[in-house]
Protein backbone atom coordinates (compact mmCIF):
# COMPACT_ATOMS: atom_id res chain seq x y z
CA UNK A 1 -19.82 77.32 27.30
CA UNK A 2 -19.33 81.08 28.02
CA UNK A 3 -16.60 82.40 25.86
CA UNK A 4 -13.95 84.60 27.96
CA UNK A 5 -13.67 87.04 25.23
CA UNK A 6 -17.17 87.92 25.51
CA UNK A 7 -17.85 91.06 27.83
CA UNK A 8 -20.36 90.17 30.79
CA UNK A 9 -23.07 92.50 32.17
CA UNK A 10 -21.09 92.41 35.59
CA UNK A 11 -17.24 92.71 36.02
CA UNK A 12 -15.79 89.50 36.79
CA UNK A 13 -12.19 89.80 37.51
CA UNK A 14 -10.12 86.59 37.24
CA UNK A 15 -7.90 85.12 39.64
CA UNK A 16 -4.52 84.74 38.16
CA UNK A 17 -1.90 82.15 38.73
CA UNK A 18 1.74 82.16 37.75
CA UNK A 19 3.70 78.87 38.13
CA UNK A 20 7.52 78.76 38.66
CA UNK A 21 10.19 77.42 40.53
CA UNK A 22 13.61 78.15 38.99
CA UNK A 23 14.34 74.69 37.83
CA UNK A 24 13.60 73.19 34.85
CA UNK A 25 12.18 69.34 34.67
CA UNK A 26 10.54 69.57 37.71
CA UNK A 27 7.04 68.90 36.25
CA UNK A 28 5.95 72.48 36.06
CA UNK A 29 3.77 72.17 33.13
CA UNK A 30 2.17 69.19 33.86
CA UNK A 31 0.90 70.17 37.50
CA UNK A 32 0.02 74.04 35.80
CA UNK A 33 -1.99 72.00 32.86
CA UNK A 34 -3.77 69.55 35.52
CA UNK A 35 -4.72 72.15 37.79
CA UNK A 36 -6.81 74.31 35.01
CA UNK A 37 -8.17 71.09 34.31
CA UNK A 38 -9.32 70.15 37.79
CA UNK A 39 -11.01 73.53 37.90
CA UNK A 40 -12.56 73.57 34.42
CA UNK A 41 -14.16 70.26 35.60
CA UNK A 42 -16.03 72.26 38.30
CA UNK A 43 -17.19 74.35 35.92
CA UNK A 44 -14.67 77.38 36.55
CA UNK A 45 -13.38 79.20 33.29
CA UNK A 46 -9.81 78.61 33.04
CA UNK A 47 -7.37 79.86 30.35
CA UNK A 48 -3.65 78.81 30.45
CA UNK A 49 -0.91 81.16 29.54
CA UNK A 50 2.00 79.66 27.66
CA UNK A 51 4.62 82.35 29.17
CA UNK A 52 7.64 80.10 28.65
CA UNK A 53 8.83 81.84 25.45
CA UNK A 54 12.10 79.76 24.97
CA UNK A 55 10.62 76.25 24.59
CA UNK A 56 7.10 76.97 25.03
CA UNK A 57 4.81 73.80 24.42
CA UNK A 58 1.84 73.98 26.45
CA UNK A 59 -0.11 72.87 23.76
CA UNK A 60 1.49 69.42 23.85
CA UNK A 61 0.42 69.13 27.29
CA UNK A 62 -3.55 69.67 26.15
CA UNK A 63 -3.02 67.28 22.92
CA UNK A 64 -2.76 70.20 20.66
CA UNK A 65 -0.94 69.58 17.38
CA UNK A 66 0.49 73.24 15.72
CA UNK A 67 -1.74 76.23 17.62
CA UNK A 68 -2.67 78.02 14.59
CA UNK A 69 -2.33 81.22 16.86
CA UNK A 70 0.54 81.98 19.22
CA UNK A 71 2.16 85.10 21.14
CA UNK A 72 4.27 85.44 18.19
CA UNK A 73 1.22 86.82 16.57
CA UNK A 74 0.50 89.34 19.41
CA UNK A 75 4.18 90.68 19.38
CA UNK A 76 4.66 90.93 15.66
CA UNK A 77 1.35 92.90 15.48
CA UNK A 78 -0.94 90.62 13.49
CA UNK A 79 -3.44 90.63 15.98
CA UNK A 80 -4.86 93.30 18.38
CA UNK A 81 -4.53 91.38 21.45
CA UNK A 82 -4.52 88.23 23.74
CA UNK A 83 -8.24 87.37 23.23
CA UNK A 84 -7.79 87.35 19.50
CA UNK A 85 -5.04 84.51 20.08
CA UNK A 86 -7.04 82.72 22.60
CA UNK A 87 -7.63 78.95 21.36
CA UNK A 88 -10.41 76.39 22.36
CA UNK A 89 -9.07 73.21 24.11
CA UNK A 90 -11.20 69.97 23.80
CA UNK A 91 -11.96 70.42 27.39
CA UNK A 92 -15.08 72.04 28.31
CA UNK A 93 -13.89 75.46 30.15
CA UNK A 94 -10.48 75.69 28.83
CA UNK A 95 -8.83 78.03 26.55
CA UNK A 96 -5.11 78.32 25.72
CA UNK A 97 -2.50 81.19 24.84
CA UNK A 98 0.08 79.37 23.37
CA UNK A 99 3.70 80.43 23.38
CA UNK A 100 4.71 77.77 20.46
CA UNK A 101 6.92 79.30 17.47
CA UNK A 102 8.17 81.93 19.68
CA UNK A 103 11.44 83.55 17.72
CA UNK A 104 15.03 83.63 19.67
CA UNK A 105 14.33 87.59 20.19
CA UNK A 106 10.96 86.69 21.70
CA UNK A 107 12.46 84.86 24.52
CA UNK A 108 13.21 88.01 26.40
CA UNK A 109 10.73 90.48 25.12
CA UNK A 110 11.01 93.82 25.99
CA UNK A 111 9.87 95.69 29.17
CA UNK A 112 6.94 97.44 27.24
CA UNK A 113 5.88 94.35 25.52
CA UNK A 114 5.84 92.08 28.39
CA UNK A 115 3.83 94.92 30.81
CA UNK A 116 1.40 95.11 27.60
CA UNK A 117 0.89 91.57 28.00
CA UNK A 118 0.35 91.21 31.62
CA UNK A 119 -2.29 94.33 31.34
CA UNK A 120 -3.84 92.47 28.74
CA UNK A 121 -4.39 89.11 30.88
CA UNK A 122 -5.67 91.05 33.77
CA UNK A 123 -8.71 92.25 30.98
CA UNK A 124 -9.85 88.06 30.11
CA UNK A 125 -12.67 87.32 31.13
CA UNK A 126 -12.42 83.96 32.98
CA UNK A 127 -12.14 82.29 36.53
CA UNK A 128 -8.66 81.45 36.96
CA UNK A 129 -5.67 82.26 34.57
CA UNK A 130 -2.77 80.24 34.90
CA UNK A 131 0.97 81.62 33.58
CA UNK A 132 3.10 78.47 33.10
CA UNK A 133 6.87 80.27 33.58
CA UNK A 134 10.07 79.38 31.84
CA UNK A 135 12.84 77.79 34.18
CA UNK A 136 15.52 80.19 35.82
CA UNK A 137 15.32 83.81 37.41
CA UNK A 138 15.16 86.14 34.72
CA UNK A 139 13.56 89.75 35.00
CA UNK A 140 10.42 88.10 32.16
CA UNK A 141 9.88 85.09 34.77
CA UNK A 142 9.77 87.25 38.18
CA UNK A 143 7.72 90.09 36.85
CA UNK A 144 5.12 87.18 35.69
CA UNK A 145 5.01 85.81 39.52
CA UNK A 146 4.96 88.94 40.99
CA UNK A 147 2.29 90.09 38.76
CA UNK A 148 -0.10 87.20 39.80
CA UNK A 149 -2.32 87.58 42.61
CA UNK A 150 -0.95 84.05 43.35
CA UNK A 151 2.83 82.60 42.56
CA UNK A 152 3.05 79.23 43.34
CA UNK A 153 6.36 77.21 43.16
CA UNK A 154 6.98 73.70 42.05
CA UNK A 155 10.07 71.66 43.64
CA UNK A 156 11.18 68.20 43.77
CA UNK A 157 13.02 66.85 46.49
CA UNK A 158 16.60 66.77 45.14
CA UNK A 159 19.04 69.00 45.96
CA UNK A 160 19.48 70.87 43.08
CA UNK A 161 15.58 71.52 42.86
CA UNK A 162 15.73 73.06 46.56
CA UNK A 163 18.72 75.09 45.60
CA UNK A 164 16.96 76.38 42.37
CA UNK A 165 13.95 77.10 44.69
CA UNK A 166 16.13 79.17 47.02
CA UNK A 167 17.45 81.36 44.13
CA UNK A 168 14.37 81.80 42.30
CA UNK A 169 12.72 83.06 45.57
CA UNK A 170 15.25 85.25 47.08
CA UNK A 171 15.43 86.71 43.02
CA UNK A 172 11.61 87.00 43.38
CA UNK A 173 12.07 88.74 46.72
CA UNK A 174 14.71 91.62 46.29
CA UNK A 175 12.76 92.52 43.00
CA UNK A 176 9.87 93.18 44.93
CA UNK A 177 11.95 94.58 47.63
CA UNK A 178 13.54 97.02 44.79
CA UNK A 179 9.71 98.14 43.70
CA UNK A 180 8.96 98.81 47.67
CA UNK A 181 11.50 100.45 48.03
CA UNK A 182 11.36 102.96 45.34
CA UNK A 183 7.85 103.32 45.79
CA UNK A 184 8.50 104.35 49.28
CA UNK A 185 11.24 106.83 48.93
CA UNK A 186 13.48 104.61 50.87
CA UNK A 187 16.51 104.20 48.24
CA UNK A 188 19.01 106.58 49.92
CA UNK A 189 18.19 104.93 53.34
CA UNK A 190 18.23 101.20 52.10
CA UNK A 191 21.90 102.19 50.50
CA UNK A 192 23.70 103.55 53.22
CA UNK A 193 22.26 100.56 55.39
CA UNK A 194 23.64 98.61 52.98
CA UNK A 195 26.87 100.05 52.64
CA UNK A 196 27.40 98.78 56.60
CA UNK A 197 25.99 95.58 56.25
CA UNK A 198 28.87 94.07 57.71
CA UNK A 199 29.11 95.95 60.92
CA UNK A 200 25.43 95.88 61.38
CA UNK A 201 25.33 92.15 60.63
CA UNK A 202 22.48 92.14 57.88
CA UNK A 203 22.83 88.72 56.92
CA UNK A 204 19.42 88.19 55.32
CA UNK A 205 16.15 90.17 53.72
CA UNK A 206 14.77 89.66 57.62
CA UNK A 207 17.96 91.57 59.12
CA UNK A 208 17.71 94.37 56.51
CA UNK A 209 13.76 94.98 57.52
CA UNK A 210 14.88 94.99 61.17
CA UNK A 211 17.51 97.73 60.53
CA UNK A 212 14.93 99.85 58.16
CA UNK A 213 12.43 99.76 61.04
CA UNK A 214 15.02 100.72 63.81
CA UNK A 215 16.26 103.91 61.35
CA UNK A 216 12.73 104.65 60.33
CA UNK A 217 9.60 103.15 62.09
CA UNK A 218 7.27 104.29 59.30
CA UNK A 219 8.99 103.00 56.51
CA UNK A 220 10.03 99.85 57.93
CA UNK A 221 6.23 99.19 58.75
CA UNK A 222 5.35 100.18 55.75
CA UNK A 223 7.95 98.13 53.94
CA UNK A 224 7.15 94.69 56.06
CA UNK A 225 3.62 95.22 55.65
CA UNK A 226 4.34 94.97 51.83
CA UNK A 227 6.64 92.74 51.76
CA UNK A 228 4.16 90.16 53.48
CA UNK A 229 2.19 89.98 50.81
CA UNK A 230 4.48 87.99 49.02
CA UNK A 231 3.24 84.84 50.23
CA UNK A 232 3.95 82.38 47.45
CA UNK A 233 2.50 78.67 47.81
CA UNK A 234 4.51 75.50 47.45
CA UNK A 235 4.02 72.06 45.90
CA UNK A 236 6.15 69.30 46.15
CA UNK A 237 6.25 67.05 43.31
CA UNK A 238 7.77 63.52 42.52
CA UNK A 239 7.60 62.29 46.11
CA UNK A 240 9.32 59.14 46.29
CA UNK A 241 9.99 58.52 50.29
CA UNK A 242 8.30 59.12 53.50
CA UNK A 243 10.79 61.82 54.63
CA UNK A 244 9.91 63.54 51.56
CA UNK A 245 6.73 64.49 52.52
CA UNK A 246 8.43 66.65 55.38
CA UNK A 247 10.43 68.90 52.83
CA UNK A 248 7.89 71.35 52.36
CA UNK A 249 7.50 71.91 55.71
CA UNK A 250 11.70 72.39 56.14
CA UNK A 251 11.52 75.34 53.06
CA UNK A 252 8.39 77.13 54.54
CA UNK A 253 10.30 77.15 58.14
CA UNK A 254 13.76 78.29 56.28
CA UNK A 255 12.06 80.87 53.86
CA UNK A 256 10.22 82.29 57.27
CA UNK A 257 13.61 82.52 59.11
CA UNK A 258 15.83 84.10 56.55
CA UNK A 259 13.06 86.45 54.39
CA UNK A 260 10.38 86.70 57.06
CA UNK A 261 7.69 85.75 54.84
CA UNK A 262 5.36 82.76 54.95
CA UNK A 263 5.24 80.25 52.15
CA UNK A 264 2.12 78.03 52.10
CA UNK A 265 2.41 74.66 51.50
CA UNK A 266 0.11 73.65 48.93
CA UNK A 267 0.61 69.96 49.24
CA UNK A 268 2.60 66.50 47.99
CA UNK A 269 2.36 64.99 44.48
CA UNK A 270 3.98 61.39 44.64
CA UNK A 271 6.01 60.09 41.50
CA UNK A 272 3.67 58.17 39.13
CA UNK A 273 4.85 56.43 35.84
CA UNK A 274 1.62 57.30 34.40
CA UNK A 275 2.51 60.80 34.07
CA UNK A 276 5.47 60.06 31.56
CA UNK A 277 2.99 57.73 29.49
CA UNK A 278 0.20 60.24 29.39
CA UNK A 279 2.54 62.62 27.90
CA UNK A 280 3.83 60.54 25.30
CA UNK A 281 0.25 59.59 24.43
CA UNK A 282 -0.12 63.39 24.39
CA UNK A 283 -2.79 63.57 26.95
CA UNK A 284 -3.69 65.30 30.51
CA UNK A 285 -2.74 62.51 33.52
CA UNK A 286 -6.32 63.51 34.82
CA UNK A 287 -8.14 62.88 31.98
CA UNK A 288 -5.99 59.35 30.50
CA UNK A 289 -5.69 58.16 34.29
CA UNK A 290 -8.18 59.92 36.52
CA UNK A 291 -7.78 57.33 39.45
CA UNK A 292 -4.08 57.50 39.30
CA UNK A 293 -1.89 58.38 42.27
CA UNK A 294 -0.97 61.65 40.56
CA UNK A 295 -4.97 62.48 39.62
CA UNK A 296 -5.80 61.77 43.50
CA UNK A 297 -2.96 64.10 44.62
CA UNK A 298 -3.39 66.87 42.21
CA UNK A 299 -6.81 66.95 43.22
CA UNK A 300 -5.83 67.32 47.00
CA UNK A 301 -3.57 70.13 45.48
CA UNK A 302 -6.45 72.26 44.33
CA UNK A 303 -8.86 71.73 47.25
CA UNK A 304 -6.16 73.14 48.98
CA UNK A 305 -5.59 76.43 47.25
CA UNK A 306 -9.30 76.65 46.08
CA UNK A 307 -10.98 74.81 48.74
CA UNK A 308 -15.00 73.33 47.99
CA UNK A 309 -17.54 72.43 50.59
CA UNK A 310 -17.66 69.01 50.03
CA UNK A 311 -14.29 66.70 49.64
CA UNK A 312 -14.65 63.49 47.63
CA UNK A 313 -12.11 61.68 48.56
CA UNK A 314 -10.70 61.66 51.95
CA UNK A 315 -8.17 58.55 52.54
CA UNK A 316 -4.64 58.63 53.34
CA UNK A 317 -2.67 59.05 50.05
CA UNK A 318 0.48 58.92 51.32
CA UNK A 319 0.67 55.51 53.65
CA UNK A 320 2.45 53.17 51.24
CA UNK A 321 5.64 55.89 51.64
């Protein structure tokens, strides 16, 4: 097993994944851990980063008790960098950076601390790095989500989860929009348009970008191009009924109409009582119940976001819904 802290003869860039969704209790940490384990089983070197500093427990999901080193050691400057708190797990090709034992004032680190962590995440040697985000839409959560190559939203088919996912994506969109507008030097133009948003009929981000283009085609096109790079993936977790299978398509369509961005559907994961049983046993579901509905669906999600040439399971998973 290759140590991801060691330098390699060739430069290897990890694919950074940030998993969020706004609402807590949607199975975000279960999904994050399971995706990393599924890829590690392929031989891909994976690192889990627990960025839920207010309630870090990713170590529990990989069956680890009381991590000996955590992000707290980095924030206290007891270690030089993230590589010094990288922990091996009992799963080949899988490492953990734990957020356990974070003090209350570390739940929302200072901007410079946060950016230092983000820069160091990008310097780690791995194939995939998964950042498990906390609930809500704080700047801490949004900046980790926007820094990643791939943003993943986990949603369950309940009105509160869908509403929170919408608010989360809206916050992500405007956080990115503010940065792009500043980069393009278009603050004054945008401020003037927003001051007249009622008269101009600006009811959505899509309308705002439209009006920016009508006032300055060059800025408008650059803005639209950079905002189109925001293309999160969507996982619907805890699917119970056949009608839940269309939720992802509906959310994607709504986001396209309102934000003018694409949200890619990564897959559905059925409700499975074995997930709770594995959590109580402090073992990942993929490890404890490798043939469970959850494991089948999770593997399909991974093949969607990281395709392989040969599929090993082609049966219809949702026939009984």
